[in-house]
Amino acid sequence: MTDRDDNALDAQPDDSPAVDVPRVEGDDNHWLTRPSTIRLLWIGLSIVLAITVLLQFFIKVKGYFGVDGWFGFGAVFGFACCVAMVLVAKVLGVVLKRSEDYYDD
């Protein structure tokens, strides 16, 4: 433990000890926040998606319901489900939202 952690343990209940939050030095030091890395991830994942869809030319997909055997159905269905989840989350956010002073009473 550091000296700061020792001081936090000895603090009285009426004191509000500072919380140590790890900070990254510099603006874009982390590799996942760099624009070049984000661009490479988008390109790489797009290539993986394109390859998996194009593999349907060589690997026969057996559809159980007819529509799921169509070319690129998995990619379209996955995208549609992702959009649906975002929309449902937005609606739930509006429905479950409380006023700003809800807990002040």
Foldseek 3Di string as FASTA:
>chain_A
DDPLVVVVVVDDPVDDRDDDDDDDPDDQPDQVRDPVSVVVVVVVVVVVLVVVLVCCVVDQDDDPPVQCRDRPPVVVVVVVVVVVVVVVVVVVCVVPDDDPCPPVD
